[in-house]
Amino acid sequence: MLTHFDEDGAARMVNVSEKAATVREAVAAGCVFMRPETLRLILDRKVTKGDVFGVARIAGIMAAKKTAELIPLCHPLNLSAVEISFDADETASCVNMQATVRTTGPTGVEMEALTAISAAGLTIYDMCKAVDRGMTIADTRLIQKTGGKSGTFERTDEQSRK
């Protein structure tokens, strides 16, 4: 059942006031494919705009904190932690990104983790577009989530992506 619609089909914000505050965590991932030369510039810290991973990490954290301002029906949440990591895959010529978001509250943080990945990928693109406009941001996905009434979700096809 889709909970963002009322009985007449109108969009609504879900009422979470009766839900218990529990520890919740979500992990999302994505990747940015690029030319090998672009990845080498990032790894050698020679991108003229600066530290690509450092700036993308800050952008992802900021985006996670502002998710409710970007996605119309999301609840504003008090986030406990946002962690973003980057792993360069020189064989595939891409940067793998992962975001972990935590809170204690009445609703999950899946959208915050996905928003963090999206903003981090866009920031990598922005910082490197002068040398590689053909980059592709891909595979933004929820890896797992824990907490809440619906319990744990864990993506089962993740091993096939590596």
N, C-alpha and C. Protein backbone atom coordinates (compact mmCIF):
# COMPACT_ATOMS: atom_id res chain seq x y z
N MET A 1 0.84 -1.18 0.00
CA MET A 1 0.00 0.00 0.00
C MET A 1 0.88 1.24 0.00
N LEU A 2 0.62 2.17 -0.88
CA LEU A 2 1.34 3.43 -0.92
C LEU A 2 0.74 4.37 0.11
N THR A 3 1.56 4.82 1.03
CA THR A 3 1.06 5.61 2.17
C THR A 3 1.03 7.11 1.92
N HIS A 4 1.54 7.56 0.79
CA HIS A 4 1.57 8.99 0.53
C HIS A 4 0.33 9.49 -0.21
N PHE A 5 -0.73 8.67 -0.22
CA PHE A 5 -1.99 9.06 -0.82
C PHE A 5 -3.12 8.81 0.16
N ASP A 6 -4.07 9.72 0.21
CA ASP A 6 -5.23 9.49 1.07
C ASP A 6 -6.25 8.64 0.34
N GLU A 7 -7.40 8.40 0.97
CA GLU A 7 -8.42 7.52 0.38
C GLU A 7 -8.99 8.05 -0.93
N ASP A 8 -8.83 9.35 -1.19
CA ASP A 8 -9.30 9.94 -2.45
C ASP A 8 -8.20 10.03 -3.50
N GLY A 9 -7.00 9.56 -3.17
CA GLY A 9 -5.90 9.59 -4.12
C GLY A 9 -5.08 10.86 -4.10
N ALA A 10 -5.35 11.75 -3.16
CA ALA A 10 -4.59 12.99 -3.06
C ALA A 10 -3.27 12.75 -2.32
N ALA A 11 -2.22 13.43 -2.75
CA ALA A 11 -0.92 13.30 -2.09
C ALA A 11 -1.01 13.86 -0.68
N ARG A 12 -0.30 13.21 0.25
CA ARG A 12 -0.29 13.68 1.63
C ARG A 12 1.03 13.29 2.28
N MET A 13 1.35 14.01 3.33
CA MET A 13 2.49 13.66 4.15
C MET A 13 2.00 12.64 5.17
N VAL A 14 2.71 11.54 5.32
CA VAL A 14 2.30 10.49 6.24
C VAL A 14 2.39 11.01 7.67
N ASN A 15 1.37 10.71 8.46
CA ASN A 15 1.36 11.09 9.87
C ASN A 15 2.18 10.07 10.66
N VAL A 16 3.31 10.50 11.21
CA VAL A 16 4.17 9.58 11.96
C VAL A 16 4.12 9.85 13.47
N SER A 17 3.17 10.67 13.91
CA SER A 17 3.13 11.07 15.32
C SER A 17 2.89 9.90 16.26
N GLU A 18 2.25 8.84 15.80
CA GLU A 18 1.98 7.68 16.66
C GLU A 18 3.06 6.60 16.57
N LYS A 19 4.02 6.79 15.67
CA LYS A 19 5.07 5.78 15.51
C LYS A 19 6.14 5.95 16.58
N ALA A 20 6.68 4.84 17.03
CA ALA A 20 7.72 4.86 18.06
C ALA A 20 9.04 5.36 17.47
N ALA A 21 9.75 6.12 18.27
CA ALA A 21 11.09 6.56 17.87
C ALA A 21 12.05 5.39 18.10
N THR A 22 12.65 4.92 17.03
CA THR A 22 13.62 3.83 17.12
C THR A 22 14.89 4.24 16.39
N VAL A 23 15.96 3.52 16.65
CA VAL A 23 17.21 3.76 15.93
C VAL A 23 17.02 3.26 14.51
N ARG A 24 17.34 4.10 13.56
CA ARG A 24 17.17 3.76 12.15
C ARG A 24 18.44 4.08 11.40
N GLU A 25 18.75 3.23 10.43
CA GLU A 25 19.94 3.43 9.61
C GLU A 25 19.63 3.03 8.19
N ALA A 26 20.21 3.75 7.25
CA ALA A 26 20.08 3.41 5.83
C ALA A 26 21.45 3.57 5.17
N VAL A 27 21.73 2.66 4.24
CA VAL A 27 22.96 2.71 3.46
C VAL A 27 22.56 2.75 2.00
N ALA A 28 23.10 3.73 1.28
CA ALA A 28 22.85 3.87 -0.15
C ALA A 28 24.20 3.90 -0.87
N ALA A 29 24.17 3.58 -2.15
CA ALA A 29 25.40 3.57 -2.93
C ALA A 29 25.11 4.08 -4.34
N GLY A 30 26.16 4.38 -5.04
CA GLY A 30 26.08 4.81 -6.44
C GLY A 30 27.49 4.90 -6.99
N CYS A 31 27.60 5.25 -8.26
CA CYS A 31 28.94 5.38 -8.84
C CYS A 31 28.95 6.45 -9.92
N VAL A 32 30.14 6.95 -10.17
CA VAL A 32 30.35 7.93 -11.24
C VAL A 32 31.40 7.32 -12.17
N PHE A 33 30.98 7.04 -13.40
CA PHE A 33 31.91 6.52 -14.41
C PHE A 33 32.55 7.69 -15.14
N MET A 34 33.82 7.54 -15.46
CA MET A 34 34.56 8.63 -16.11
C MET A 34 35.72 8.06 -16.90
N ARG A 35 36.36 8.94 -17.65
CA ARG A 35 37.56 8.52 -18.38
C ARG A 35 38.67 8.19 -17.39
N PRO A 36 39.54 7.25 -17.71
CA PRO A 36 40.65 6.92 -16.81
C PRO A 36 41.51 8.13 -16.45
N GLU A 37 41.70 9.05 -17.40
CA GLU A 37 42.51 10.25 -17.14
C GLU A 37 41.86 11.14 -16.07
N THR A 38 40.54 11.17 -16.09
CA THR A 38 39.81 11.98 -15.10
C THR A 38 39.97 11.38 -13.72
N LEU A 39 39.82 10.07 -13.62
CA LEU A 39 40.00 9.40 -12.34
C LEU A 39 41.42 9.62 -11.83
N ARG A 40 42.39 9.57 -12.70
CA ARG A 40 43.79 9.78 -12.30
C ARG A 40 43.97 11.20 -11.75
N LEU A 41 43.34 12.20 -12.38
CA LEU A 41 43.42 13.57 -11.86
C LEU A 41 42.85 13.66 -10.44
N ILE A 42 41.73 12.98 -10.22
CA ILE A 42 41.12 12.99 -8.88
C ILE A 42 42.06 12.35 -7.88
N LEU A 43 42.57 11.18 -8.21
CA LEU A 43 43.43 10.44 -7.28
C LEU A 43 44.74 11.16 -7.01
N ASP A 44 45.24 11.87 -8.00
CA ASP A 44 46.49 12.62 -7.83
C ASP A 44 46.24 14.01 -7.25
N ARG A 45 44.99 14.33 -6.96
CA ARG A 45 44.59 15.64 -6.40
C ARG A 45 45.04 16.79 -7.30
N LYS A 46 44.80 16.61 -8.59
CA LYS A 46 45.18 17.63 -9.56
C LYS A 46 43.99 18.29 -10.25
N VAL A 47 42.80 18.08 -9.73
CA VAL A 47 41.62 18.75 -10.27
C VAL A 47 41.69 20.21 -9.81
N THR A 48 41.57 21.14 -10.74
CA THR A 48 41.80 22.55 -10.41
C THR A 48 40.81 23.11 -9.39
N LYS A 49 39.63 22.52 -9.28
CA LYS A 49 38.65 23.02 -8.31
C LYS A 49 38.95 22.56 -6.88
N GLY A 50 39.89 21.62 -6.70
CA GLY A 50 40.27 21.23 -5.35
C GLY A 50 40.07 19.75 -5.07
N ASP A 51 39.96 19.43 -3.78
CA ASP A 51 39.83 18.06 -3.29
C ASP A 51 38.43 17.53 -3.61
N VAL A 52 38.33 16.76 -4.66
CA VAL A 52 37.03 16.28 -5.16
C VAL A 52 36.29 15.47 -4.10
N PHE A 53 36.96 14.52 -3.48
CA PHE A 53 36.28 13.67 -2.50
C PHE A 53 35.89 14.47 -1.26
N GLY A 54 36.73 15.38 -0.83
CA GLY A 54 36.40 16.19 0.34
C GLY A 54 35.18 17.07 0.11
N VAL A 55 35.14 17.72 -1.04
CA VAL A 55 34.01 18.59 -1.35
C VAL A 55 32.74 17.76 -1.57
N ALA A 56 32.86 16.63 -2.27
CA ALA A 56 31.70 15.77 -2.52
C ALA A 56 31.15 15.21 -1.20
N ARG A 57 32.03 14.91 -0.26
CA ARG A 57 31.59 14.40 1.04
C ARG A 57 30.75 15.47 1.77
N ILE A 58 31.25 16.69 1.78
CA ILE A 58 30.51 17.79 2.43
C ILE A 58 29.18 18.01 1.73
N ALA A 59 29.17 17.99 0.40
CA ALA A 59 27.92 18.17 -0.35
C ALA A 59 26.91 17.09 0.00
N GLY A 60 27.36 15.86 0.10
CA GLY A 60 26.47 14.75 0.45
C GLY A 60 25.89 14.90 1.84
N ILE A 61 26.73 15.29 2.79
CA ILE A 61 26.25 15.50 4.15
C ILE A 61 25.23 16.63 4.20
N MET A 62 25.54 17.73 3.54
CA MET A 62 24.60 18.86 3.52
C MET A 62 23.29 18.47 2.87
N ALA A 63 23.34 17.73 1.78
CA ALA A 63 22.13 17.31 1.08
C ALA A 63 21.28 16.40 1.96
N ALA A 64 21.92 15.46 2.65
CA ALA A 64 21.16 14.57 3.54
C ALA A 64 20.39 15.39 4.57
N LYS A 65 21.03 16.42 5.12
CA LYS A 65 20.39 17.26 6.13
C LYS A 65 19.25 18.10 5.57
N LYS A 66 19.23 18.31 4.26
CA LYS A 66 18.19 19.14 3.63
C LYS A 66 17.19 18.34 2.80
N THR A 67 17.17 17.05 2.97
CA THR A 67 16.30 16.19 2.16
C THR A 67 14.85 16.64 2.20
N ALA A 68 14.34 16.98 3.36
CA ALA A 68 12.93 17.39 3.48
C ALA A 68 12.63 18.67 2.69
N GLU A 69 13.65 19.48 2.41
CA GLU A 69 13.47 20.68 1.60
C GLU A 69 13.48 20.36 0.11
N LEU A 70 14.03 19.21 -0.25
CA LEU A 70 14.17 18.84 -1.66
C LEU A 70 13.10 17.87 -2.14
N ILE A 71 12.69 16.94 -1.28
CA ILE A 71 11.71 15.91 -1.63
C ILE A 71 10.41 16.27 -0.93
N PRO A 72 9.37 16.59 -1.68
CA PRO A 72 8.18 17.23 -1.12
C PRO A 72 7.53 16.58 0.09
N LEU A 73 7.43 15.27 0.18
CA LEU A 73 6.67 14.66 1.26
C LEU A 73 7.54 14.03 2.35
N CYS A 74 8.84 14.32 2.32
CA CYS A 74 9.74 13.80 3.35
C CYS A 74 9.60 14.61 4.64
N HIS A 75 9.75 13.91 5.76
CA HIS A 75 9.72 14.58 7.06
C HIS A 75 11.09 15.18 7.37
N PRO A 76 11.12 16.36 7.97
CA PRO A 76 12.41 16.88 8.44
C PRO A 76 12.88 16.01 9.61
N LEU A 77 14.11 15.56 9.55
CA LEU A 77 14.63 14.65 10.57
C LEU A 77 15.87 15.22 11.24
N ASN A 78 16.04 14.85 12.47
CA ASN A 78 17.26 15.15 13.21
C ASN A 78 18.22 14.00 12.96
N LEU A 79 19.20 14.21 12.12
CA LEU A 79 20.13 13.13 11.80
C LEU A 79 21.20 13.01 12.88
N SER A 80 21.52 11.78 13.24
CA SER A 80 22.56 11.52 14.23
C SER A 80 23.93 11.45 13.58
N ALA A 81 24.00 10.92 12.37
CA ALA A 81 25.27 10.76 11.68
C ALA A 81 25.05 10.60 10.19
N VAL A 82 25.98 11.14 9.42
CA VAL A 82 26.03 10.92 7.97
C VAL A 82 27.49 10.63 7.63
N GLU A 83 27.73 9.45 7.08
CA GLU A 83 29.09 9.06 6.68
C GLU A 83 29.09 8.76 5.19
N ILE A 84 30.04 9.31 4.50
CA ILE A 84 30.14 9.09 3.05
C ILE A 84 31.55 8.65 2.72
N SER A 85 31.65 7.57 1.95
CA SER A 85 32.96 7.07 1.54
C SER A 85 33.04 6.95 0.03
N PHE A 86 34.26 7.00 -0.47
CA PHE A 86 34.53 6.90 -1.90
C PHE A 86 35.59 5.83 -2.11
N ASP A 87 35.39 5.04 -3.15
CA ASP A 87 36.34 3.99 -3.49
C ASP A 87 36.58 4.06 -5.00
N ALA A 88 37.79 4.39 -5.38
CA ALA A 88 38.12 4.48 -6.80
C ALA A 88 38.37 3.08 -7.35
N ASP A 89 37.70 2.78 -8.45
CA ASP A 89 37.89 1.50 -9.14
C ASP A 89 38.55 1.82 -10.48
N GLU A 90 39.86 1.65 -10.51
CA GLU A 90 40.59 2.02 -11.72
C GLU A 90 40.32 1.07 -12.88
N THR A 91 39.96 -0.17 -12.58
CA THR A 91 39.64 -1.13 -13.64
C THR A 91 38.37 -0.71 -14.38
N ALA A 92 37.34 -0.32 -13.63
CA ALA A 92 36.07 0.11 -14.23
C ALA A 92 36.05 1.60 -14.53
N SER A 93 37.08 2.31 -14.13
CA SER A 93 37.19 3.76 -14.30
C SER A 93 35.97 4.47 -13.70
N CYS A 94 35.77 4.22 -12.41
CA CYS A 94 34.65 4.84 -11.74
C CYS A 94 34.98 5.10 -10.27
N VAL A 95 34.16 5.93 -9.67
CA VAL A 95 34.22 6.17 -8.23
C VAL A 95 32.96 5.57 -7.63
N ASN A 96 33.12 4.59 -6.76
CA ASN A 96 31.99 4.02 -6.02
C ASN A 96 31.77 4.85 -4.77
N MET A 97 30.53 5.21 -4.52
CA MET A 97 30.18 6.05 -3.38
C MET A 97 29.24 5.27 -2.47
N GLN A 98 29.39 5.48 -1.17
CA GLN A 98 28.47 4.88 -0.21
C GLN A 98 28.17 5.89 0.89
N ALA A 99 26.90 5.98 1.25
CA ALA A 99 26.45 6.87 2.32
C ALA A 99 25.70 6.05 3.36
N THR A 100 26.02 6.30 4.62
CA THR A 100 25.32 5.69 5.75
C THR A 100 24.74 6.82 6.57
N VAL A 101 23.43 6.76 6.81
CA VAL A 101 22.74 7.81 7.56
C VAL A 101 22.03 7.16 8.74
N ARG A 102 22.12 7.81 9.91
CA ARG A 102 21.50 7.29 11.14
C ARG A 102 20.67 8.37 11.81
N THR A 103 19.62 7.91 12.49
CA THR A 103 18.80 8.77 13.31
C THR A 103 18.08 7.92 14.36
N THR A 104 17.52 8.58 15.34
CA THR A 104 16.57 7.95 16.24
C THR A 104 15.29 8.74 16.06
N GLY A 105 14.28 8.11 15.51
CA GLY A 105 13.06 8.84 15.21
C GLY A 105 11.95 7.93 14.75
N PRO A 106 10.81 8.55 14.35
CA PRO A 106 9.63 7.78 13.98
C PRO A 106 9.56 7.37 12.51
N THR A 107 10.56 7.75 11.72
CA THR A 107 10.55 7.41 10.30
C THR A 107 11.98 7.20 9.82
N GLY A 108 12.13 6.46 8.74
CA GLY A 108 13.44 6.05 8.26
C GLY A 108 14.23 7.11 7.54
N VAL A 109 15.47 6.77 7.22
CA VAL A 109 16.40 7.71 6.60
C VAL A 109 16.86 7.25 5.21
N GLU A 110 16.04 6.44 4.55
CA GLU A 110 16.40 5.97 3.22
C GLU A 110 16.56 7.13 2.24
N MET A 111 15.62 8.07 2.27
CA MET A 111 15.69 9.19 1.33
C MET A 111 16.90 10.07 1.59
N GLU A 112 17.28 10.20 2.85
CA GLU A 112 18.46 11.00 3.19
C GLU A 112 19.73 10.35 2.65
N ALA A 113 19.83 9.04 2.75
CA ALA A 113 21.00 8.34 2.23
C ALA A 113 21.06 8.43 0.70
N LEU A 114 19.92 8.26 0.05
CA LEU A 114 19.88 8.37 -1.41
C LEU A 114 20.17 9.79 -1.88
N THR A 115 19.68 10.78 -1.15
CA THR A 115 19.94 12.18 -1.50
C THR A 115 21.42 12.49 -1.33
N ALA A 116 22.04 11.96 -0.28
CA ALA A 116 23.47 12.17 -0.06
C ALA A 116 24.28 11.64 -1.24
N ILE A 117 23.93 10.44 -1.71
CA ILE A 117 24.64 9.85 -2.85
C ILE A 117 24.44 10.69 -4.11
N SER A 118 23.23 11.14 -4.33
CA SER A 118 22.94 11.95 -5.52
C SER A 118 23.75 13.24 -5.51
N ALA A 119 23.78 13.93 -4.39
CA ALA A 119 24.51 15.19 -4.31
C ALA A 119 26.02 14.97 -4.42
N ALA A 120 26.52 13.90 -3.82
CA ALA A 120 27.95 13.61 -3.92
C ALA A 120 28.33 13.33 -5.38
N GLY A 121 27.52 12.55 -6.07
CA GLY A 121 27.79 12.26 -7.48
C GLY A 121 27.72 13.50 -8.35
N LEU A 122 26.74 14.34 -8.11
CA LEU A 122 26.63 15.59 -8.86
C LEU A 122 27.81 16.51 -8.60
N THR A 123 28.31 16.50 -7.38
CA THR A 123 29.45 17.33 -7.04
C THR A 123 30.72 16.84 -7.74
N ILE A 124 30.90 15.52 -7.78
CA ILE A 124 32.04 14.98 -8.53
C ILE A 124 31.94 15.41 -9.98
N TYR A 125 30.75 15.29 -10.55
CA TYR A 125 30.55 15.72 -11.94
C TYR A 125 30.90 17.20 -12.09
N ASP A 126 30.37 18.03 -11.23
CA ASP A 126 30.60 19.47 -11.33
C ASP A 126 32.08 19.81 -11.24
N MET A 127 32.78 19.17 -10.34
CA MET A 127 34.19 19.50 -10.14
C MET A 127 35.08 19.02 -11.27
N CYS A 128 34.62 18.02 -12.03
CA CYS A 128 35.46 17.43 -13.08
C CYS A 128 34.94 17.70 -14.49
N LYS A 129 33.82 18.37 -14.62
CA LYS A 129 33.20 18.53 -15.95
C LYS A 129 34.07 19.30 -16.94
N ALA A 130 34.97 20.13 -16.46
CA ALA A 130 35.83 20.88 -17.37
C ALA A 130 36.75 19.96 -18.17
N VAL A 131 37.06 18.78 -17.62
CA VAL A 131 37.93 17.84 -18.33
C VAL A 131 37.20 16.62 -18.86
N ASP A 132 35.94 16.40 -18.40
CA ASP A 132 35.23 15.18 -18.80
C ASP A 132 33.71 15.37 -18.68
N ARG A 133 33.11 15.91 -19.74
CA ARG A 133 31.65 16.10 -19.71
C ARG A 133 30.88 14.80 -19.97
N GLY A 134 31.59 13.73 -20.31
CA GLY A 134 30.95 12.46 -20.59
C GLY A 134 30.77 11.56 -19.38
N MET A 135 31.05 12.07 -18.19
CA MET A 135 30.87 11.25 -16.98
C MET A 135 29.41 10.81 -16.87
N THR A 136 29.20 9.66 -16.23
CA THR A 136 27.86 9.13 -16.01
C THR A 136 27.68 8.81 -14.54
N ILE A 137 26.63 9.37 -13.96
CA ILE A 137 26.26 9.05 -12.58
C ILE A 137 25.27 7.90 -12.67
N ALA A 138 25.56 6.79 -11.99
CA ALA A 138 24.76 5.58 -12.21
C ALA A 138 24.54 4.80 -10.92
N ASP A 139 23.57 3.90 -11.01
CA ASP A 139 23.33 2.87 -9.99
C ASP A 139 23.04 3.41 -8.60
N THR A 140 22.41 4.56 -8.48
CA THR A 140 22.02 5.05 -7.16
C THR A 140 20.95 4.11 -6.62
N ARG A 141 21.23 3.55 -5.43
CA ARG A 141 20.35 2.50 -4.91
C ARG A 141 20.46 2.39 -3.40
N LEU A 142 19.39 1.89 -2.79
CA LEU A 142 19.40 1.58 -1.37
C LEU A 142 20.04 0.22 -1.20
N ILE A 143 21.02 0.11 -0.32
CA ILE A 143 21.71 -1.15 -0.06
C ILE A 143 21.04 -1.87 1.11
N GLN A 144 20.77 -1.13 2.18
CA GLN A 144 20.08 -1.72 3.31
C GLN A 144 19.47 -0.64 4.18
N LYS A 145 18.52 -1.06 4.98
CA LYS A 145 17.93 -0.18 5.97
C LYS A 145 17.53 -1.03 7.16
N THR A 146 17.67 -0.45 8.35
CA THR A 146 17.30 -1.14 9.57
C THR A 146 16.47 -0.21 10.44
N GLY A 147 15.68 -0.81 11.31
CA GLY A 147 14.87 -0.05 12.25
C GLY A 147 13.45 0.12 11.76
N GLY A 148 12.58 0.46 12.69
CA GLY A 148 11.20 0.72 12.35
C GLY A 148 10.36 -0.53 12.25
N LYS A 149 9.07 -0.30 12.03
CA LYS A 149 8.10 -1.39 12.00
C LYS A 149 8.33 -2.36 10.84
N SER A 150 8.80 -1.85 9.71
CA SER A 150 8.99 -2.73 8.55
C SER A 150 10.26 -3.56 8.64
N GLY A 151 11.09 -3.29 9.65
CA GLY A 151 12.26 -4.14 9.88
C GLY A 151 13.42 -3.86 8.95
N THR A 152 14.16 -4.90 8.64
CA THR A 152 15.39 -4.78 7.87
C THR A 152 15.15 -5.07 6.40
N PHE A 153 15.77 -4.26 5.56
CA PHE A 153 15.82 -4.51 4.12
C PHE A 153 17.29 -4.64 3.77
N GLU A 154 17.62 -5.65 3.01
CA GLU A 154 18.98 -5.80 2.53
C GLU A 154 18.94 -6.22 1.08
N ARG A 155 19.58 -5.43 0.23
CA ARG A 155 19.61 -5.73 -1.20
C ARG A 155 20.33 -7.05 -1.42
N THR A 156 19.72 -7.93 -2.19
CA THR A 156 20.30 -9.26 -2.39
C THR A 156 21.16 -9.34 -3.65
N ASP A 157 21.04 -8.39 -4.56
CA ASP A 157 21.80 -8.46 -5.81
C ASP A 157 23.10 -7.66 -5.74
N GLU A 158 23.49 -7.20 -4.56
CA GLU A 158 24.65 -6.31 -4.46
C GLU A 158 25.95 -6.97 -4.91
N GLN A 159 26.14 -8.24 -4.64
CA GLN A 159 27.39 -8.89 -5.02
C GLN A 159 27.60 -8.91 -6.54
N SER A 160 26.51 -8.93 -7.30
CA SER A 160 26.64 -8.98 -8.75
C SER A 160 27.09 -7.64 -9.33
N ARG A 161 27.06 -6.57 -8.54
CA ARG A 161 27.44 -5.24 -9.02
C ARG A 161 28.93 -4.95 -8.85
N LYS A 162 29.63 -5.80 -8.14
CA LYS A 162 31.05 -5.50 -7.86
C LYS A 162 31.96 -6.19 -8.82
